[in-house]
ModelCIF file with pLDDT and N, C-alpha, C, O atoms, coordinates in Angstrom:
data_MODEL
#
_entry.id   MODEL 
#
_entity.id                         1 
_entity.type                       polymer 
_entity.pdbx_number_of_molecules   1 
#
_entity_poly.entity_id                      1 
_entity_poly.type                           'polypeptide(L)' 
_entity_poly.nstd_linkage                   no 
_entity_poly.nstd_monomer                   no 
_entity_poly.pdbx_seq_one_letter_code       EVRIQASNGSREPVAVRPGLELSQVFLGELAGDSYSFHGVVVETAK 
_entity_poly.pdbx_seq_one_letter_code_can   EVRIQASNGSREPVAVRPGLELSQVFLGELAGDSYSFHGVVVETAK 
_entity_poly.pdbx_strand_id                 A 
#
loop_
_entity_poly_seq.entity_id 
_entity_poly_seq.num 
_entity_poly_seq.mon_id 
_entity_poly_seq.hetero 
1 1  GLU n 
1 2  VAL n 
1 3  ARG n 
1 4  ILE n 
1 5  GLN n 
1 6  ALA n 
1 7  SER n 
1 8  ASN n 
1 9  GLY n 
1 10 SER n 
1 11 ARG n 
1 12 GLU n 
1 13 PRO n 
1 14 VAL n 
1 15 ALA n 
1 16 VAL n 
1 17 ARG n 
1 18 PRO n 
1 19 GLY n 
1 20 LEU n 
1 21 GLU n 
1 22 LEU n 
1 23 SER n 
1 24 GLN n 
1 25 VAL n 
1 26 PHE n 
1 27 LEU n 
1 28 GLY n 
1 29 GLU n 
1 30 LEU n 
1 31 ALA n 
1 32 GLY n 
1 33 ASP n 
1 34 SER n 
1 35 TYR n 
1 36 SER n 
1 37 PHE n 
1 38 HIS n 
1 39 GLY n 
1 40 VAL n 
1 41 VAL n 
1 42 VAL n 
1 43 GLU n 
1 44 THR n 
1 45 ALA n 
1 46 LYS n 
#
_struct_asym.id          A 
_struct_asym.entity_id   1 
#
loop_
_ma_qa_metric.id 
_ma_qa_metric.mode 
_ma_qa_metric.name 
_ma_qa_metric.software_group_id 
_ma_qa_metric.type 
1 global pLDDT . pLDDT 
2 local  pLDDT . pLDDT 
#
_ma_qa_metric_global.metric_id      1 
_ma_qa_metric_global.metric_value   89.78 
_ma_qa_metric_global.model_id       1 
_ma_qa_metric_global.ordinal_id     1 
#
loop_
_ma_qa_metric_local.label_asym_id 
_ma_qa_metric_local.label_comp_id 
_ma_qa_metric_local.label_seq_id 
_ma_qa_metric_local.metric_id 
_ma_qa_metric_local.metric_value 
_ma_qa_metric_local.model_id 
_ma_qa_metric_local.ordinal_id 
A GLU 1  2 92.00 1 1  
A VAL 2  2 93.00 1 2  
A ARG 3  2 93.00 1 3  
A ILE 4  2 93.00 1 4  
A GLN 5  2 92.00 1 5  
A ALA 6  2 91.00 1 6  
A SER 7  2 92.00 1 7  
A ASN 8  2 93.00 1 8  
A GLY 9  2 92.00 1 9  
A SER 10 2 93.00 1 10 
A ARG 11 2 92.00 1 11 
A GLU 12 2 93.00 1 12 
A PRO 13 2 93.00 1 13 
A VAL 14 2 93.00 1 14 
A ALA 15 2 93.00 1 15 
A VAL 16 2 92.00 1 16 
A ARG 17 2 93.00 1 17 
A PRO 18 2 92.00 1 18 
A GLY 19 2 93.00 1 19 
A LEU 20 2 93.00 1 20 
A GLU 21 2 93.00 1 21 
A LEU 22 2 91.00 1 22 
A SER 23 2 92.00 1 23 
A GLN 24 2 93.00 1 24 
A VAL 25 2 93.00 1 25 
A PHE 26 2 91.00 1 26 
A LEU 27 2 87.00 1 27 
A GLY 28 2 83.00 1 28 
A GLU 29 2 77.00 1 29 
A LEU 30 2 79.00 1 30 
A ALA 31 2 79.00 1 31 
A GLY 32 2 73.00 1 32 
A ASP 33 2 75.00 1 33 
A SER 34 2 75.00 1 34 
A TYR 35 2 79.00 1 35 
A SER 36 2 83.00 1 36 
A PHE 37 2 89.00 1 37 
A HIS 38 2 90.00 1 38 
A GLY 39 2 94.00 1 39 
A VAL 40 2 96.00 1 40 
A VAL 41 2 96.00 1 41 
A VAL 42 2 96.00 1 42 
A GLU 43 2 96.00 1 43 
A THR 44 2 95.00 1 44 
A ALA 45 2 93.00 1 45 
A LYS 46 2 91.00 1 46 
#
loop_
_atom_site.group_PDB 
_atom_site.id 
_atom_site.type_symbol 
_atom_site.label_atom_id 
_atom_site.label_alt_id 
_atom_site.label_comp_id 
_atom_site.label_asym_id 
_atom_site.label_entity_id 
_atom_site.label_seq_id 
_atom_site.pdbx_PDB_ins_code 
_atom_site.Cartn_x 
_atom_site.Cartn_y 
_atom_site.Cartn_z 
_atom_site.occupancy 
_atom_site.B_iso_or_equiv 
_atom_site.pdbx_formal_charge 
_atom_site.auth_seq_id 
_atom_site.auth_comp_id 
_atom_site.auth_asym_id 
_atom_site.auth_atom_id 
_atom_site.pdbx_PDB_model_num 
ATOM 1   N N  . GLU A 1 1  ? -3.174 -5.178  -4.737  1.00 92.00 ? 1  GLU A N  1 
ATOM 2   C CA . GLU A 1 1  ? -2.796 -4.863  -3.363  1.00 92.00 ? 1  GLU A CA 1 
ATOM 3   C C  . GLU A 1 1  ? -1.345 -5.225  -3.121  1.00 92.00 ? 1  GLU A C  1 
ATOM 4   O O  . GLU A 1 1  ? -0.858 -6.266  -3.564  1.00 92.00 ? 1  GLU A O  1 
ATOM 5   N N  . VAL A 1 2  ? -0.666 -4.338  -2.406  1.00 93.00 ? 2  VAL A N  1 
ATOM 6   C CA . VAL A 1 2  ? 0.739  -4.564  -2.052  1.00 93.00 ? 2  VAL A CA 1 
ATOM 7   C C  . VAL A 1 2  ? 0.837  -4.679  -0.529  1.00 93.00 ? 2  VAL A C  1 
ATOM 8   O O  . VAL A 1 2  ? 0.388  -3.793  0.198   1.00 93.00 ? 2  VAL A O  1 
ATOM 9   N N  . ARG A 1 3  ? 1.422  -5.769  -0.061  1.00 93.00 ? 3  ARG A N  1 
ATOM 10  C CA . ARG A 1 3  ? 1.631  -5.971  1.375   1.00 93.00 ? 3  ARG A CA 1 
ATOM 11  C C  . ARG A 1 3  ? 3.133  -5.959  1.652   1.00 93.00 ? 3  ARG A C  1 
ATOM 12  O O  . ARG A 1 3  ? 3.886  -6.782  1.131   1.00 93.00 ? 3  ARG A O  1 
ATOM 13  N N  . ILE A 1 4  ? 3.540  -5.023  2.470   1.00 93.00 ? 4  ILE A N  1 
ATOM 14  C CA . ILE A 1 4  ? 4.962  -4.881  2.818   1.00 93.00 ? 4  ILE A CA 1 
ATOM 15  C C  . ILE A 1 4  ? 5.167  -5.410  4.231   1.00 93.00 ? 4  ILE A C  1 
ATOM 16  O O  . ILE A 1 4  ? 4.444  -5.041  5.156   1.00 93.00 ? 4  ILE A O  1 
ATOM 17  N N  . GLN A 1 5  ? 6.144  -6.264  4.382   1.00 92.00 ? 5  GLN A N  1 
ATOM 18  C CA . GLN A 1 5  ? 6.396  -6.883  5.681   1.00 92.00 ? 5  GLN A CA 1 
ATOM 19  C C  . GLN A 1 5  ? 7.894  -6.844  5.975   1.00 92.00 ? 5  GLN A C  1 
ATOM 20  O O  . GLN A 1 5  ? 8.715  -7.223  5.141   1.00 92.00 ? 5  GLN A O  1 
ATOM 21  N N  . ALA A 1 6  ? 8.228  -6.385  7.161   1.00 91.00 ? 6  ALA A N  1 
ATOM 22  C CA . ALA A 1 6  ? 9.636  -6.338  7.579   1.00 91.00 ? 6  ALA A CA 1 
ATOM 23  C C  . ALA A 1 6  ? 9.760  -6.942  8.967   1.00 91.00 ? 6  ALA A C  1 
ATOM 24  O O  . ALA A 1 6  ? 8.924  -6.697  9.836   1.00 91.00 ? 6  ALA A O  1 
ATOM 25  N N  . SER A 1 7  ? 10.792 -7.719  9.167   1.00 92.00 ? 7  SER A N  1 
ATOM 26  C CA . SER A 1 7  ? 11.021 -8.336  10.478  1.00 92.00 ? 7  SER A CA 1 
ATOM 27  C C  . SER A 1 7  ? 12.482 -8.157  10.874  1.00 92.00 ? 7  SER A C  1 
ATOM 28  O O  . SER A 1 7  ? 13.352 -7.997  10.018  1.00 92.00 ? 7  SER A O  1 
ATOM 29  N N  . ASN A 1 8  ? 12.737 -8.186  12.145  1.00 93.00 ? 8  ASN A N  1 
ATOM 30  C CA . ASN A 1 8  ? 14.082 -8.018  12.677  1.00 93.00 ? 8  ASN A CA 1 
ATOM 31  C C  . ASN A 1 8  ? 14.611 -9.365  13.164  1.00 93.00 ? 8  ASN A C  1 
ATOM 32  O O  . ASN A 1 8  ? 14.218 -9.858  14.221  1.00 93.00 ? 8  ASN A O  1 
ATOM 33  N N  . GLY A 1 9  ? 15.509 -9.948  12.371  1.00 92.00 ? 9  GLY A N  1 
ATOM 34  C CA . GLY A 1 9  ? 16.099 -11.229 12.745  1.00 92.00 ? 9  GLY A CA 1 
ATOM 35  C C  . GLY A 1 9  ? 17.433 -11.084 13.444  1.00 92.00 ? 9  GLY A C  1 
ATOM 36  O O  . GLY A 1 9  ? 18.111 -12.073 13.722  1.00 92.00 ? 9  GLY A O  1 
ATOM 37  N N  . SER A 1 10 ? 17.812 -9.828  13.733  1.00 93.00 ? 10 SER A N  1 
ATOM 38  C CA . SER A 1 10 ? 19.102 -9.602  14.396  1.00 93.00 ? 10 SER A CA 1 
ATOM 39  C C  . SER A 1 10 ? 18.925 -9.581  15.914  1.00 93.00 ? 10 SER A C  1 
ATOM 40  O O  . SER A 1 10 ? 17.837 -9.835  16.432  1.00 93.00 ? 10 SER A O  1 
ATOM 41  N N  . ARG A 1 11 ? 20.002 -9.277  16.604  1.00 92.00 ? 11 ARG A N  1 
ATOM 42  C CA . ARG A 1 11 ? 19.969 -9.213  18.059  1.00 92.00 ? 11 ARG A CA 1 
ATOM 43  C C  . ARG A 1 11 ? 19.896 -7.773  18.565  1.00 92.00 ? 11 ARG A C  1 
ATOM 44  O O  . ARG A 1 11 ? 19.899 -7.527  19.771  1.00 92.00 ? 11 ARG A O  1 
ATOM 45  N N  . GLU A 1 12 ? 19.831 -6.833  17.636  1.00 93.00 ? 12 GLU A N  1 
ATOM 46  C CA . GLU A 1 12 ? 19.791 -5.415  17.996  1.00 93.00 ? 12 GLU A CA 1 
ATOM 47  C C  . GLU A 1 12 ? 18.528 -4.770  17.438  1.00 93.00 ? 12 GLU A C  1 
ATOM 48  O O  . GLU A 1 12 ? 17.995 -5.234  16.431  1.00 93.00 ? 12 GLU A O  1 
ATOM 49  N N  . PRO A 1 13 ? 18.037 -3.697  18.083  1.00 93.00 ? 13 PRO A N  1 
ATOM 50  C CA . PRO A 1 13 ? 16.884 -2.972  17.544  1.00 93.00 ? 13 PRO A CA 1 
ATOM 51  C C  . PRO A 1 13 ? 17.201 -2.392  16.162  1.00 93.00 ? 13 PRO A C  1 
ATOM 52  O O  . PRO A 1 13 ? 18.322 -1.954  15.902  1.00 93.00 ? 13 PRO A O  1 
ATOM 53  N N  . VAL A 1 14 ? 16.222 -2.397  15.307  1.00 93.00 ? 14 VAL A N  1 
ATOM 54  C CA . VAL A 1 14 ? 16.397 -1.891  13.937  1.00 93.00 ? 14 VAL A CA 1 
ATOM 55  C C  . VAL A 1 14 ? 15.249 -0.934  13.611  1.00 93.00 ? 14 VAL A C  1 
ATOM 56  O O  . VAL A 1 14 ? 14.084 -1.245  13.856  1.00 93.00 ? 14 VAL A O  1 
ATOM 57  N N  . ALA A 1 15 ? 15.587 0.230   13.058  1.00 93.00 ? 15 ALA A N  1 
ATOM 58  C CA . ALA A 1 15 ? 14.577 1.208   12.633  1.00 93.00 ? 15 ALA A CA 1 
ATOM 59  C C  . ALA A 1 15 ? 14.204 0.930   11.178  1.00 93.00 ? 15 ALA A C  1 
ATOM 60  O O  . ALA A 1 15 ? 15.075 0.837   10.313  1.00 93.00 ? 15 ALA A O  1 
ATOM 61  N N  . VAL A 1 16 ? 12.926 0.802   10.921  1.00 92.00 ? 16 VAL A N  1 
ATOM 62  C CA . VAL A 1 16 ? 12.455 0.571   9.551   1.00 92.00 ? 16 VAL A CA 1 
ATOM 63  C C  . VAL A 1 16 ? 11.331 1.547   9.234   1.00 92.00 ? 16 VAL A C  1 
ATOM 64  O O  . VAL A 1 16 ? 10.662 2.068   10.126  1.00 92.00 ? 16 VAL A O  1 
ATOM 65  N N  . ARG A 1 17 ? 11.143 1.779   7.940   1.00 93.00 ? 17 ARG A N  1 
ATOM 66  C CA . ARG A 1 17 ? 10.040 2.626   7.494   1.00 93.00 ? 17 ARG A CA 1 
ATOM 67  C C  . ARG A 1 17 ? 9.510  2.091   6.173   1.00 93.00 ? 17 ARG A C  1 
ATOM 68  O O  . ARG A 1 17 ? 10.044 2.430   5.118   1.00 93.00 ? 17 ARG A O  1 
ATOM 69  N N  . PRO A 1 18 ? 8.464  1.256   6.206   1.00 92.00 ? 18 PRO A N  1 
ATOM 70  C CA . PRO A 1 18 ? 7.932  0.669   4.973   1.00 92.00 ? 18 PRO A CA 1 
ATOM 71  C C  . PRO A 1 18 ? 7.388  1.753   4.047   1.00 92.00 ? 18 PRO A C  1 
ATOM 72  O O  . PRO A 1 18 ? 6.912  2.793   4.503   1.00 92.00 ? 18 PRO A O  1 
ATOM 73  N N  . GLY A 1 19 ? 7.465  1.497   2.747   1.00 93.00 ? 19 GLY A N  1 
ATOM 74  C CA . GLY A 1 19 ? 6.928  2.444   1.784   1.00 93.00 ? 19 GLY A CA 1 
ATOM 75  C C  . GLY A 1 19 ? 7.036  1.922   0.370   1.00 93.00 ? 19 GLY A C  1 
ATOM 76  O O  . GLY A 1 19 ? 7.441  0.783   0.138   1.00 93.00 ? 19 GLY A O  1 
ATOM 77  N N  . LEU A 1 20 ? 6.672  2.764   -0.562  1.00 93.00 ? 20 LEU A N  1 
ATOM 78  C CA . LEU A 1 20 ? 6.726  2.427   -1.984  1.00 93.00 ? 20 LEU A CA 1 
ATOM 79  C C  . LEU A 1 20 ? 7.308  3.584   -2.769  1.00 93.00 ? 20 LEU A C  1 
ATOM 80  O O  . LEU A 1 20 ? 7.197  4.745   -2.377  1.00 93.00 ? 20 LEU A O  1 
ATOM 81  N N  . GLU A 1 21 ? 7.929  3.244   -3.882  1.00 93.00 ? 21 GLU A N  1 
ATOM 82  C CA . GLU A 1 21 ? 8.422  4.254   -4.816  1.00 93.00 ? 21 GLU A CA 1 
ATOM 83  C C  . GLU A 1 21 ? 7.692  4.067   -6.137  1.00 93.00 ? 21 GLU A C  1 
ATOM 84  O O  . GLU A 1 21 ? 7.672  2.973   -6.701  1.00 93.00 ? 21 GLU A O  1 
ATOM 85  N N  . LEU A 1 22 ? 7.099  5.136   -6.618  1.00 91.00 ? 22 LEU A N  1 
ATOM 86  C CA . LEU A 1 22 ? 6.298  5.107   -7.839  1.00 91.00 ? 22 LEU A CA 1 
ATOM 87  C C  . LEU A 1 22 ? 7.032  5.889   -8.922  1.00 91.00 ? 22 LEU A C  1 
ATOM 88  O O  . LEU A 1 22 ? 7.414  7.039   -8.705  1.00 91.00 ? 22 LEU A O  1 
ATOM 89  N N  . SER A 1 23 ? 7.231  5.276   -10.082 1.00 92.00 ? 23 SER A N  1 
ATOM 90  C CA . SER A 1 23 ? 7.927  5.968   -11.173 1.00 92.00 ? 23 SER A CA 1 
ATOM 91  C C  . SER A 1 23 ? 7.137  5.836   -12.472 1.00 92.00 ? 23 SER A C  1 
ATOM 92  O O  . SER A 1 23 ? 6.467  4.830   -12.707 1.00 92.00 ? 23 SER A O  1 
ATOM 93  N N  . GLN A 1 24 ? 7.226  6.858   -13.302 1.00 93.00 ? 24 GLN A N  1 
ATOM 94  C CA . GLN A 1 24 ? 6.523  6.863   -14.586 1.00 93.00 ? 24 GLN A CA 1 
ATOM 95  C C  . GLN A 1 24 ? 7.256  7.775   -15.562 1.00 93.00 ? 24 GLN A C  1 
ATOM 96  O O  . GLN A 1 24 ? 7.615  8.905   -15.229 1.00 93.00 ? 24 GLN A O  1 
ATOM 97  N N  . VAL A 1 25 ? 7.470  7.268   -16.766 1.00 93.00 ? 25 VAL A N  1 
ATOM 98  C CA . VAL A 1 25 ? 8.031  8.077   -17.852 1.00 93.00 ? 25 VAL A CA 1 
ATOM 99  C C  . VAL A 1 25 ? 6.892  8.418   -18.799 1.00 93.00 ? 25 VAL A C  1 
ATOM 100 O O  . VAL A 1 25 ? 6.168  7.530   -19.249 1.00 93.00 ? 25 VAL A O  1 
ATOM 101 N N  . PHE A 1 26 ? 6.732  9.695   -19.101 1.00 91.00 ? 26 PHE A N  1 
ATOM 102 C CA . PHE A 1 26 ? 5.630  10.154  -19.933 1.00 91.00 ? 26 PHE A CA 1 
ATOM 103 C C  . PHE A 1 26 ? 6.071  10.247  -21.389 1.00 91.00 ? 26 PHE A C  1 
ATOM 104 O O  . PHE A 1 26 ? 6.563  11.279  -21.846 1.00 91.00 ? 26 PHE A O  1 
ATOM 105 N N  . LEU A 1 27 ? 5.883  9.154   -22.096 1.00 87.00 ? 27 LEU A N  1 
ATOM 106 C CA . LEU A 1 27 ? 6.224  9.085   -23.515 1.00 87.00 ? 27 LEU A CA 1 
ATOM 107 C C  . LEU A 1 27 ? 5.019  8.582   -24.297 1.00 87.00 ? 27 LEU A C  1 
ATOM 108 O O  . LEU A 1 27 ? 4.145  7.922   -23.735 1.00 87.00 ? 27 LEU A O  1 
ATOM 109 N N  . GLY A 1 28 ? 4.968  8.890   -25.589 1.00 83.00 ? 28 GLY A N  1 
ATOM 110 C CA . GLY A 1 28 ? 3.872  8.421   -26.434 1.00 83.00 ? 28 GLY A CA 1 
ATOM 111 C C  . GLY A 1 28 ? 2.545  8.982   -25.972 1.00 83.00 ? 28 GLY A C  1 
ATOM 112 O O  . GLY A 1 28 ? 2.420  10.183  -25.736 1.00 83.00 ? 28 GLY A O  1 
ATOM 113 N N  . GLU A 1 29 ? 1.541  8.104   -25.841 1.00 77.00 ? 29 GLU A N  1 
ATOM 114 C CA . GLU A 1 29 ? 0.214  8.542   -25.419 1.00 77.00 ? 29 GLU A CA 1 
ATOM 115 C C  . GLU A 1 29 ? 0.226  9.112   -24.002 1.00 77.00 ? 29 GLU A C  1 
ATOM 116 O O  . GLU A 1 29 ? -0.591 9.973   -23.676 1.00 77.00 ? 29 GLU A O  1 
ATOM 117 N N  . LEU A 1 30 ? 1.136  8.645   -23.166 1.00 79.00 ? 30 LEU A N  1 
ATOM 118 C CA . LEU A 1 30 ? 1.211  9.149   -21.800 1.00 79.00 ? 30 LEU A CA 1 
ATOM 119 C C  . LEU A 1 30 ? 1.677  10.599  -21.756 1.00 79.00 ? 30 LEU A C  1 
ATOM 120 O O  . LEU A 1 30 ? 1.390  11.316  -20.797 1.00 79.00 ? 30 LEU A O  1 
ATOM 121 N N  . ALA A 1 31 ? 2.397  11.036  -22.793 1.00 79.00 ? 31 ALA A N  1 
ATOM 122 C CA . ALA A 1 31 ? 2.878  12.414  -22.834 1.00 79.00 ? 31 ALA A CA 1 
ATOM 123 C C  . ALA A 1 31 ? 1.760  13.390  -23.164 1.00 79.00 ? 31 ALA A C  1 
ATOM 124 O O  . ALA A 1 31 ? 1.839  14.569  -22.818 1.00 79.00 ? 31 ALA A O  1 
ATOM 125 N N  . GLY A 1 32 ? 0.706  12.898  -23.842 1.00 73.00 ? 32 GLY A N  1 
ATOM 126 C CA . GLY A 1 32 ? -0.394 13.778  -24.214 1.00 73.00 ? 32 GLY A CA 1 
ATOM 127 C C  . GLY A 1 32 ? 0.064  14.847  -25.182 1.00 73.00 ? 32 GLY A C  1 
ATOM 128 O O  . GLY A 1 32 ? 0.833  14.572  -26.103 1.00 73.00 ? 32 GLY A O  1 
ATOM 129 N N  . ASP A 1 33 ? -0.409 16.077  -24.975 1.00 75.00 ? 33 ASP A N  1 
ATOM 130 C CA . ASP A 1 33 ? 0.008  17.200  -25.806 1.00 75.00 ? 33 ASP A CA 1 
ATOM 131 C C  . ASP A 1 33 ? 0.511  18.315  -24.909 1.00 75.00 ? 33 ASP A C  1 
ATOM 132 O O  . ASP A 1 33 ? 0.573  18.171  -23.688 1.00 75.00 ? 33 ASP A O  1 
ATOM 133 N N  . SER A 1 34 ? 0.872  19.437  -25.537 1.00 75.00 ? 34 SER A N  1 
ATOM 134 C CA . SER A 1 34 ? 1.461  20.539  -24.774 1.00 75.00 ? 34 SER A CA 1 
ATOM 135 C C  . SER A 1 34 ? 0.481  21.183  -23.805 1.00 75.00 ? 34 SER A C  1 
ATOM 136 O O  . SER A 1 34 ? 0.889  21.899  -22.891 1.00 75.00 ? 34 SER A O  1 
ATOM 137 N N  . TYR A 1 35 ? -0.820 20.930  -24.002 1.00 79.00 ? 35 TYR A N  1 
ATOM 138 C CA . TYR A 1 35 ? -1.834 21.536  -23.141 1.00 79.00 ? 35 TYR A CA 1 
ATOM 139 C C  . TYR A 1 35 ? -2.279 20.608  -22.002 1.00 79.00 ? 35 TYR A C  1 
ATOM 140 O O  . TYR A 1 35 ? -2.932 21.061  -21.062 1.00 79.00 ? 35 TYR A O  1 
ATOM 141 N N  . SER A 1 36 ? -1.937 19.332  -22.075 1.00 83.00 ? 36 SER A N  1 
ATOM 142 C CA . SER A 1 36 ? -2.412 18.376  -21.081 1.00 83.00 ? 36 SER A CA 1 
ATOM 143 C C  . SER A 1 36 ? -1.422 18.253  -19.926 1.00 83.00 ? 36 SER A C  1 
ATOM 144 O O  . SER A 1 36 ? -0.213 18.410  -20.099 1.00 83.00 ? 36 SER A O  1 
ATOM 145 N N  . PHE A 1 37 ? -1.968 17.970  -18.747 1.00 89.00 ? 37 PHE A N  1 
ATOM 146 C CA . PHE A 1 37 ? -1.150 17.841  -17.548 1.00 89.00 ? 37 PHE A CA 1 
ATOM 147 C C  . PHE A 1 37 ? -0.528 16.454  -17.467 1.00 89.00 ? 37 PHE A C  1 
ATOM 148 O O  . PHE A 1 37 ? -1.180 15.455  -17.770 1.00 89.00 ? 37 PHE A O  1 
ATOM 149 N N  . HIS A 1 38 ? 0.717  16.397  -17.062 1.00 90.00 ? 38 HIS A N  1 
ATOM 150 C CA . HIS A 1 38 ? 1.327  15.145  -16.641 1.00 90.00 ? 38 HIS A CA 1 
ATOM 151 C C  . HIS A 1 38 ? 2.368  15.470  -15.575 1.00 90.00 ? 38 HIS A C  1 
ATOM 152 O O  . HIS A 1 38 ? 3.203  16.360  -15.737 1.00 90.00 ? 38 HIS A O  1 
ATOM 153 N N  . GLY A 1 39 ? 2.288  14.721  -14.488 1.00 94.00 ? 39 GLY A N  1 
ATOM 154 C CA . GLY A 1 39 ? 3.148  15.000  -13.353 1.00 94.00 ? 39 GLY A CA 1 
ATOM 155 C C  . GLY A 1 39 ? 2.674  14.250  -12.123 1.00 94.00 ? 39 GLY A C  1 
ATOM 156 O O  . GLY A 1 39 ? 2.223  13.108  -12.220 1.00 94.00 ? 39 GLY A O  1 
ATOM 157 N N  . VAL A 1 40 ? 2.775  14.885  -10.970 1.00 96.00 ? 40 VAL A N  1 
ATOM 158 C CA . VAL A 1 40 ? 2.440  14.272  -9.687  1.00 96.00 ? 40 VAL A CA 1 
ATOM 159 C C  . VAL A 1 40 ? 1.189  14.934  -9.118  1.00 96.00 ? 40 VAL A C  1 
ATOM 160 O O  . VAL A 1 40 ? 1.065  16.159  -9.126  1.00 96.00 ? 40 VAL A O  1 
ATOM 161 N N  . VAL A 1 41 ? 0.272  14.118  -8.630  1.00 96.00 ? 41 VAL A N  1 
ATOM 162 C CA . VAL A 1 41 ? -0.934 14.619  -7.963  1.00 96.00 ? 41 VAL A CA 1 
ATOM 163 C C  . VAL A 1 41 ? -1.007 13.990  -6.579  1.00 96.00 ? 41 VAL A C  1 
ATOM 164 O O  . VAL A 1 41 ? -0.819 12.783  -6.426  1.00 96.00 ? 41 VAL A O  1 
ATOM 165 N N  . VAL A 1 42 ? -1.282 14.819  -5.570  1.00 96.00 ? 42 VAL A N  1 
ATOM 166 C CA . VAL A 1 42 ? -1.327 14.352  -4.184  1.00 96.00 ? 42 VAL A CA 1 
ATOM 167 C C  . VAL A 1 42 ? -2.630 14.818  -3.539  1.00 96.00 ? 42 VAL A C  1 
ATOM 168 O O  . VAL A 1 42 ? -2.978 15.997  -3.607  1.00 96.00 ? 42 VAL A O  1 
ATOM 169 N N  . GLU A 1 43 ? -3.350 13.878  -2.911  1.00 96.00 ? 43 GLU A N  1 
ATOM 170 C CA . GLU A 1 43 ? -4.442 14.299  -2.031  1.00 96.00 ? 43 GLU A CA 1 
ATOM 171 C C  . GLU A 1 43 ? -3.892 14.324  -0.618  1.00 96.00 ? 43 GLU A C  1 
ATOM 172 O O  . GLU A 1 43 ? -3.517 13.288  -0.069  1.00 96.00 ? 43 GLU A O  1 
ATOM 173 N N  . THR A 1 44 ? -3.845 15.507  -0.034  1.00 95.00 ? 44 THR A N  1 
ATOM 174 C CA . THR A 1 44 ? -3.260 15.664  1.297   1.00 95.00 ? 44 THR A CA 1 
ATOM 175 C C  . THR A 1 44 ? -4.184 15.100  2.367   1.00 95.00 ? 44 THR A C  1 
ATOM 176 O O  . THR A 1 44 ? -5.342 14.778  2.102   1.00 95.00 ? 44 THR A O  1 
ATOM 177 N N  . ALA A 1 45 ? -3.655 14.987  3.572   1.00 93.00 ? 45 ALA A N  1 
ATOM 178 C CA . ALA A 1 45 ? -4.438 14.468  4.693   1.00 93.00 ? 45 ALA A CA 1 
ATOM 179 C C  . ALA A 1 45 ? -5.636 15.354  4.995   1.00 93.00 ? 45 ALA A C  1 
ATOM 180 O O  . ALA A 1 45 ? -6.622 14.889  5.566   1.00 93.00 ? 45 ALA A O  1 
ATOM 181 N N  . LYS A 1 46 ? -5.561 16.629  4.616   1.00 91.00 ? 46 LYS A N  1 
ATOM 182 C CA . LYS A 1 46 ? -6.659 17.563  4.850   1.00 91.00 ? 46 LYS A CA 1 
ATOM 183 C C  . LYS A 1 46 ? -7.695 17.536  3.729   1.00 91.00 ? 46 LYS A C  1 
ATOM 184 O O  . LYS A 1 46 ? -8.682 18.269  3.783   1.00 91.00 ? 46 LYS A O  1 
#
């Protein structure tokens, strides 16, 4: 589990947008073969 926390210690309003960045290099076994899929998969809100 990842918990992201941001606070404003300044005297002015601050806009923030918590999030994560996911990265992966497909080498070796992760690359699979020319017939296998590797890339990004998203389940949409719908």
